[in-house]
Amino acid sequence: MICPNCQKEVVDNSKFCYNCGAQLVAAAPPPPTAAPLPPKRLMRSSRDKKLGGVCAGVADYFDMDPTIVRIVWLLTFLIGGAGLVLYLVLWIVLPLAPVGAPIIVPGTPAHG
């Protein structure tokens, strides 16, 4: 961005020129490029499941690798045993994701 008063380069979105002190007019924000993503829902995975799909569903919800979630879940099971109870509760409570549901990745344009 260039200051209209002193013609010096300033950082984008600055309110004042740090060379001459002139107030800068903010540029209009760019129009939105894609429709907003629908809210995420915590669901069991129907595609990447080893037992009940709970770990893959949790990984999808938190944008993590399912292997990491499975390892952490195994450690919670081995250390305190609470992992098994929580897994069983989530297996019963969480709905199964539809088989044909698209995988929504934040930051990518929606196809549809």
Protein backbone atom coordinates (compact mmCIF):
# COMPACT_ATOMS: atom_id res chain seq x y z
CA MET A 1 0.00 0.00 0.00
CA ILE A 2 1.32 3.44 -0.89
CA CYS A 3 0.65 6.58 1.12
CA PRO A 4 -1.19 9.15 -1.07
CA ASN A 5 0.49 12.01 0.80
CA CYS A 6 4.20 11.10 0.77
CA GLN A 7 4.17 8.24 -1.81
CA LYS A 8 6.08 5.92 0.53
CA GLU A 9 5.32 2.22 0.94
CA VAL A 10 3.42 1.33 4.13
CA VAL A 11 2.12 -1.92 5.52
CA ASP A 12 -1.28 -3.04 4.22
CA ASN A 13 -4.29 -2.21 6.43
CA SER A 14 -2.39 0.55 8.26
CA LYS A 15 -4.53 3.40 9.58
CA PHE A 16 -1.74 6.00 9.53
CA CYS A 17 1.43 6.47 7.47
CA TYR A 18 4.46 5.96 9.69
CA ASN A 19 6.52 8.32 7.49
CA CYS A 20 4.33 11.45 7.34
CA GLY A 21 1.53 10.60 9.81
CA ALA A 22 -1.27 11.05 7.28
CA GLN A 23 -4.46 9.14 7.91
CA LEU A 24 -4.96 6.38 5.35
CA VAL A 25 -8.29 5.31 3.92
CA ALA A 26 -8.97 1.65 4.51
CA ALA A 27 -9.66 -0.40 1.40
CA ALA A 28 -13.00 -2.13 1.09
CA PRO A 29 -12.88 -5.76 2.23
CA PRO A 30 -12.89 -8.26 -0.61
CA PRO A 31 -16.20 -9.97 -1.35
CA PRO A 32 -16.62 -13.45 0.09
CA THR A 33 -15.38 -16.09 -2.33
CA ALA A 34 -17.27 -19.12 -1.07
CA ALA A 35 -20.41 -19.88 0.84
CA PRO A 36 -19.86 -20.36 4.57
CA LEU A 37 -19.30 -23.93 5.69
CA PRO A 38 -22.10 -25.68 7.52
CA PRO A 39 -21.46 -26.22 11.23
CA LYS A 40 -19.54 -29.36 12.06
CA ARG A 41 -21.28 -32.20 13.84
CA LEU A 42 -19.58 -34.83 15.94
CA MET A 43 -20.47 -38.15 14.30
CA ARG A 44 -18.99 -41.62 14.05
CA SER A 45 -17.16 -42.20 10.80
CA SER A 46 -18.73 -44.59 8.33
CA ARG A 47 -15.69 -44.62 6.02
CA ASP A 48 -12.60 -44.85 8.21
CA LYS A 49 -13.63 -47.09 11.06
CA LYS A 50 -11.69 -49.88 12.70
CA LEU A 51 -14.17 -50.82 15.41
CA GLY A 52 -17.03 -48.36 15.83
CA GLY A 53 -15.77 -45.27 13.97
CA VAL A 54 -15.55 -43.16 17.12
CA CYS A 55 -11.85 -42.28 16.85
CA ALA A 56 -12.12 -41.37 13.16
CA GLY A 57 -15.21 -39.28 13.89
CA VAL A 58 -13.45 -37.41 16.68
CA ALA A 59 -10.44 -36.91 14.39
CA ASP A 60 -12.68 -35.51 11.63
CA TYR A 61 -14.33 -33.14 14.08
CA PHE A 62 -11.04 -31.77 15.42
CA ASP A 63 -9.20 -31.90 12.04
CA MET A 64 -6.61 -34.37 13.28
CA ASP A 65 -5.07 -37.57 12.00
CA PRO A 66 -7.17 -40.59 13.09
CA THR A 67 -4.03 -42.54 13.99
CA ILE A 68 -3.05 -39.95 16.59
CA VAL A 69 -6.54 -40.04 18.12
CA ARG A 70 -6.44 -43.85 18.21
CA ILE A 71 -3.05 -43.83 19.98
CA VAL A 72 -4.21 -41.27 22.56
CA TRP A 73 -7.41 -43.26 23.10
CA LEU A 74 -5.39 -46.45 23.62
CA LEU A 75 -3.14 -44.69 26.13
CA THR A 76 -6.16 -43.43 28.10
CA PHE A 77 -7.50 -46.98 28.13
CA LEU A 78 -4.21 -48.50 29.30
CA ILE A 79 -3.44 -45.86 31.92
CA GLY A 80 -6.77 -45.34 33.62
CA GLY A 81 -9.39 -47.43 31.90
CA ALA A 82 -11.63 -44.43 31.31
CA GLY A 83 -10.97 -44.63 27.58
CA LEU A 84 -13.01 -47.81 27.24
CA VAL A 85 -16.03 -46.38 29.06
CA LEU A 86 -15.91 -43.15 27.07
CA TYR A 87 -15.52 -45.06 23.80
CA LEU A 88 -18.53 -47.26 24.55
CA VAL A 89 -20.66 -44.26 25.55
CA LEU A 90 -19.73 -42.36 22.38
CA TRP A 91 -20.32 -45.46 20.26
CA ILE A 92 -23.87 -45.61 21.59
CA VAL A 93 -24.61 -41.86 21.63
CA LEU A 94 -23.00 -40.56 18.42
CA PRO A 95 -24.94 -40.96 15.19
CA LEU A 96 -23.30 -42.70 12.26
CA ALA A 97 -22.26 -40.34 9.47
CA PRO A 98 -24.09 -40.98 6.19
CA VAL A 99 -22.09 -43.07 3.73
CA GLY A 100 -22.53 -40.60 0.87
CA ALA A 101 -21.83 -37.50 2.97
CA PRO A 102 -19.11 -35.27 1.52
CA ILE A 103 -15.96 -34.76 3.54
CA ILE A 104 -15.72 -31.05 4.32
CA VAL A 105 -12.18 -29.75 4.62
CA PRO A 106 -11.86 -26.19 5.95
CA GLY A 107 -10.13 -23.82 3.56
CA THR A 108 -11.19 -25.60 0.38
CA PRO A 109 -13.96 -24.40 -1.91
CA ALA A 110 -17.26 -26.21 -1.60
CA HIS A 111 -18.28 -28.30 -4.57
CA GLY A 112 -21.86 -28.79 -5.15
